[in-house]
């Protein structure tokens, strides 16, 4: 049987290990894309994203009327061309959450015809 001192040390190490994980979890931010306007036509998503510092672990929430819009995760070339490849992950629930799990550029467009061209596209840089 382990001594009381050994058990106390093990317990203290477990508390320290859990505490080390807390700052990363606590510092994650959830962003509602477009704020009160949500994911919709007529919103300047470049302006919305400017000044925000997106970090690994943050979440983007896309709120929109189901059936009227969608959210496709695309590459830089597809973003620039407002094109949605057939294999692009596309969300359609009207309340979609995307966890930013890695650093780099993330590109989103609405795949409904004409919507991306009218400004429904978002690029974020994740650090």
C-alpha atoms as a PDB file:
ATOM      1  CA  UNK A   1       0.000   0.000   0.000  1.00  0.00           C
ATOM      2  CA  UNK A   2       1.275   3.466  -0.871  1.00  0.00           C
ATOM      3  CA  UNK A   3       2.332   5.702   1.943  1.00  0.00           C
ATOM      4  CA  UNK A   4       0.278   8.759   2.807  1.00  0.00           C
ATOM      5  CA  UNK A   5       3.104  11.037   1.585  1.00  0.00           C
ATOM      6  CA  UNK A   6       3.203   9.254  -1.781  1.00  0.00           C
ATOM      7  CA  UNK A   7      -0.575   9.655  -2.174  1.00  0.00           C
ATOM      8  CA  UNK A   8      -0.400  13.346  -1.301  1.00  0.00           C
ATOM      9  CA  UNK A   9       2.382  13.924  -3.838  1.00  0.00           C
ATOM     10  CA  UNK A  10       0.407  12.072  -6.517  1.00  0.00           C
ATOM     11  CA  UNK A  11      -2.692  14.125  -5.732  1.00  0.00           C
ATOM     12  CA  UNK A  12      -0.725  17.376  -5.852  1.00  0.00           C
ATOM     13  CA  UNK A  13       0.787  16.413  -9.207  1.00  0.00           C
ATOM     14  CA  UNK A  14      -2.688  15.676 -10.592  1.00  0.00           C
ATOM     15  CA  UNK A  15      -3.955  19.092  -9.458  1.00  0.00           C
ATOM     16  CA  UNK A  16      -0.961  20.811 -11.077  1.00  0.00           C
ATOM     17  CA  UNK A  17      -1.502  18.878 -14.324  1.00  0.00           C
ATOM     18  CA  UNK A  18      -5.183  19.857 -14.461  1.00  0.00           C
ATOM     19  CA  UNK A  19      -4.374  23.474 -13.606  1.00  0.00           C
ATOM     20  CA  UNK A  20      -1.876  23.582 -16.481  1.00  0.00           C
ATOM     21  CA  UNK A  21      -4.692  22.706 -18.882  1.00  0.00           C
ATOM     22  CA  UNK A  22      -7.129  25.298 -17.587  1.00  0.00           C
ATOM     23  CA  UNK A  23      -5.602  28.488 -19.051  1.00  0.00           C
ATOM     24  CA  UNK A  24      -5.842  27.161 -22.621  1.00  0.00           C
ATOM     25  CA  UNK A  25      -9.444  26.082 -22.131  1.00  0.00           C
ATOM     26  CA  UNK A  26     -10.478  29.207 -20.249  1.00  0.00           C
ATOM     27  CA  UNK A  27      -8.929  31.526 -22.814  1.00  0.00           C
ATOM     28  CA  UNK A  28     -10.833  30.063 -25.786  1.00  0.00           C
ATOM     29  CA  UNK A  29     -13.386  32.459 -27.253  1.00  0.00           C
ATOM     30  CA  UNK A  30     -16.624  31.781 -29.088  1.00  0.00           C
ATOM     31  CA  UNK A  31     -17.417  34.299 -31.837  1.00  0.00           C
ATOM     32  CA  UNK A  32     -20.831  34.730 -33.403  1.00  0.00           C
ATOM     33  CA  UNK A  33     -19.934  35.493 -37.010  1.00  0.00           C
ATOM     34  CA  UNK A  34     -21.398  38.858 -37.989  1.00  0.00           C
ATOM     35  CA  UNK A  35     -22.422  39.586 -34.387  1.00  0.00           C
ATOM     36  CA  UNK A  36     -26.152  40.481 -34.250  1.00  0.00           C
ATOM     37  CA  UNK A  37     -26.477  40.285 -38.062  1.00  0.00           C
ATOM     38  CA  UNK A  38     -25.321  36.671 -38.162  1.00  0.00           C
ATOM     39  CA  UNK A  39     -24.339  34.945 -41.404  1.00  0.00           C
ATOM     40  CA  UNK A  40     -26.383  36.832 -43.972  1.00  0.00           C
ATOM     41  CA  UNK A  41     -26.245  39.043 -47.051  1.00  0.00           C
ATOM     42  CA  UNK A  42     -25.253  42.662 -46.536  1.00  0.00           C
ATOM     43  CA  UNK A  43     -22.638  42.121 -43.820  1.00  0.00           C
ATOM     44  CA  UNK A  44     -19.012  43.177 -44.280  1.00  0.00           C
ATOM     45  CA  UNK A  45     -17.224  40.109 -42.930  1.00  0.00           C
ATOM     46  CA  UNK A  46     -13.777  41.588 -43.607  1.00  0.00           C
ATOM     47  CA  UNK A  47     -14.652  44.478 -41.288  1.00  0.00           C
ATOM     48  CA  UNK A  48     -16.169  42.073 -38.750  1.00  0.00           C
ATOM     49  CA  UNK A  49     -12.994  39.957 -38.610  1.00  0.00           C
ATOM     50  CA  UNK A  50     -10.547  42.870 -38.588  1.00  0.00           C
ATOM     51  CA  UNK A  51      -9.036  43.531 -35.209  1.00  0.00           C
ATOM     52  CA  UNK A  52     -10.037  40.119 -33.840  1.00  0.00           C
ATOM     53  CA  UNK A  53      -7.249  37.784 -32.804  1.00  0.00           C
ATOM     54  CA  UNK A  54      -8.420  34.241 -33.471  1.00  0.00           C
ATOM     55  CA  UNK A  55      -6.580  31.512 -31.573  1.00  0.00           C
ATOM     56  CA  UNK A  56      -6.414  27.750 -31.784  1.00  0.00           C
ATOM     57  CA  UNK A  57      -9.305  26.522 -29.621  1.00  0.00           C
ATOM     58  CA  UNK A  58     -11.663  29.386 -30.488  1.00  0.00           C
ATOM     59  CA  UNK A  59     -15.046  28.647 -32.056  1.00  0.00           C
ATOM     60  CA  UNK A  60     -16.930  30.397 -34.850  1.00  0.00           C
ATOM     61  CA  UNK A  61     -20.724  30.227 -34.685  1.00  0.00           C
ATOM     62  CA  UNK A  62     -22.601  30.779 -37.923  1.00  0.00           C
ATOM     63  CA  UNK A  63     -26.269  31.685 -37.323  1.00  0.00           C
ATOM     64  CA  UNK A  64     -28.581  31.943 -40.339  1.00  0.00           C
ATOM     65  CA  UNK A  65     -31.963  30.902 -41.670  1.00  0.00           C
ATOM     66  CA  UNK A  66     -31.773  27.194 -42.434  1.00  0.00           C
ATOM     67  CA  UNK A  67     -32.400  26.536 -46.112  1.00  0.00           C
ATOM     68  CA  UNK A  68     -31.473  30.090 -47.182  1.00  0.00           C
ATOM     69  CA  UNK A  69     -27.720  29.897 -46.606  1.00  0.00           C
ATOM     70  CA  UNK A  70     -24.986  27.409 -45.798  1.00  0.00           C
ATOM     71  CA  UNK A  71     -21.357  27.481 -44.708  1.00  0.00           C
ATOM     72  CA  UNK A  72     -18.685  25.800 -46.814  1.00  0.00           C
ATOM     73  CA  UNK A  73     -15.092  25.434 -45.648  1.00  0.00           C
ATOM     74  CA  UNK A  74     -12.913  26.034 -48.703  1.00  0.00           C
ATOM     75  CA  UNK A  75      -9.302  26.651 -49.681  1.00  0.00           C
ATOM     76  CA  UNK A  76      -7.822  30.043 -50.636  1.00  0.00           C
ATOM     77  CA  UNK A  77      -8.314  29.540 -54.362  1.00  0.00           C
ATOM     78  CA  UNK A  78     -11.982  28.556 -53.973  1.00  0.00           C
ATOM     79  CA  UNK A  79     -12.497  31.493 -51.614  1.00  0.00           C
ATOM     80  CA  UNK A  80     -11.087  33.933 -54.167  1.00  0.00           C
ATOM     81  CA  UNK A  81     -13.202  32.411 -56.958  1.00  0.00           C
ATOM     82  CA  UNK A  82     -16.365  32.041 -54.816  1.00  0.00           C
ATOM     83  CA  UNK A  83     -16.450  28.383 -55.803  1.00  0.00           C
ATOM     84  CA  UNK A  84     -17.430  25.438 -53.620  1.00  0.00           C
ATOM     85  CA  UNK A  85     -15.717  22.179 -54.607  1.00  0.00           C
ATOM     86  CA  UNK A  86     -17.929  19.088 -54.502  1.00  0.00           C
ATOM     87  CA  UNK A  87     -15.857  17.650 -51.635  1.00  0.00           C
ATOM     88  CA  UNK A  88     -15.904  20.809 -49.479  1.00  0.00           C
ATOM     89  CA  UNK A  89     -17.311  20.302 -45.971  1.00  0.00           C
ATOM     90  CA  UNK A  90     -20.639  22.169 -46.016  1.00  0.00           C
ATOM     91  CA  UNK A  91     -22.783  22.937 -42.971  1.00  0.00           C
ATOM     92  CA  UNK A  92     -26.520  23.532 -43.301  1.00  0.00           C
ATOM     93  CA  UNK A  93     -28.152  23.532 -39.848  1.00  0.00           C
ATOM     94  CA  UNK A  94     -28.574  27.300 -39.430  1.00  0.00           C
ATOM     95  CA  UNK A  95     -26.613  27.131 -36.171  1.00  0.00           C
ATOM     96  CA  UNK A  96     -23.216  25.777 -37.110  1.00  0.00           C
ATOM     97  CA  UNK A  97     -20.173  25.834 -34.865  1.00  0.00           C
ATOM     98  CA  UNK A  98     -16.659  25.438 -36.216  1.00  0.00           C
ATOM     99  CA  UNK A  99     -13.828  24.771 -33.777  1.00  0.00           C
ATOM    100  CA  UNK A 100     -10.611  26.382 -34.960  1.00  0.00           C
ATOM    101  CA  UNK A 101      -8.357  23.462 -34.109  1.00  0.00           C
ATOM    102  CA  UNK A 102      -5.206  24.460 -35.937  1.00  0.00           C
ATOM    103  CA  UNK A 103      -3.254  27.566 -36.789  1.00  0.00           C
ATOM    104  CA  UNK A 104      -3.375  28.988 -40.296  1.00  0.00           C
ATOM    105  CA  UNK A 105      -5.815  30.599 -42.703  1.00  0.00           C
ATOM    106  CA  UNK A 106      -9.439  29.428 -42.626  1.00  0.00           C
ATOM    107  CA  UNK A 107     -11.821  30.286 -45.470  1.00  0.00           C
ATOM    108  CA  UNK A 108     -15.625  30.107 -45.429  1.00  0.00           C
ATOM    109  CA  UNK A 109     -18.186  30.946 -48.104  1.00  0.00           C
ATOM    110  CA  UNK A 110     -21.923  30.653 -48.530  1.00  0.00           C
ATOM    111  CA  UNK A 111     -22.429  28.140 -51.328  1.00  0.00           C
ATOM    112  CA  UNK A 112     -25.858  29.419 -52.353  1.00  0.00           C
ATOM    113  CA  UNK A 113     -25.634  30.855 -55.852  1.00  0.00           C
ATOM    114  CA  UNK A 114     -24.637  34.530 -55.838  1.00  0.00           C
ATOM    115  CA  UNK A 115     -24.258  34.848 -52.065  1.00  0.00           C
ATOM    116  CA  UNK A 116     -20.459  34.607 -51.925  1.00  0.00           C
ATOM    117  CA  UNK A 117     -20.164  37.058 -54.789  1.00  0.00           C
ATOM    118  CA  UNK A 118     -22.323  39.498 -52.838  1.00  0.00           C
ATOM    119  CA  UNK A 119     -19.990  39.294 -49.821  1.00  0.00           C
ATOM    120  CA  UNK A 120     -20.943  36.187 -47.829  1.00  0.00           C
ATOM    121  CA  UNK A 121     -17.368  35.029 -47.351  1.00  0.00           C
ATOM    122  CA  UNK A 122     -15.075  35.060 -44.374  1.00  0.00           C
ATOM    123  CA  UNK A 123     -11.315  34.574 -44.071  1.00  0.00           C
ATOM    124  CA  UNK A 124      -9.708  34.332 -40.655  1.00  0.00           C
ATOM    125  CA  UNK A 125      -6.117  33.901 -39.586  1.00  0.00           C
ATOM    126  CA  UNK A 126      -5.759  31.601 -36.594  1.00  0.00           C
ATOM    127  CA  UNK A 127      -2.675  31.831 -34.335  1.00  0.00           C
END
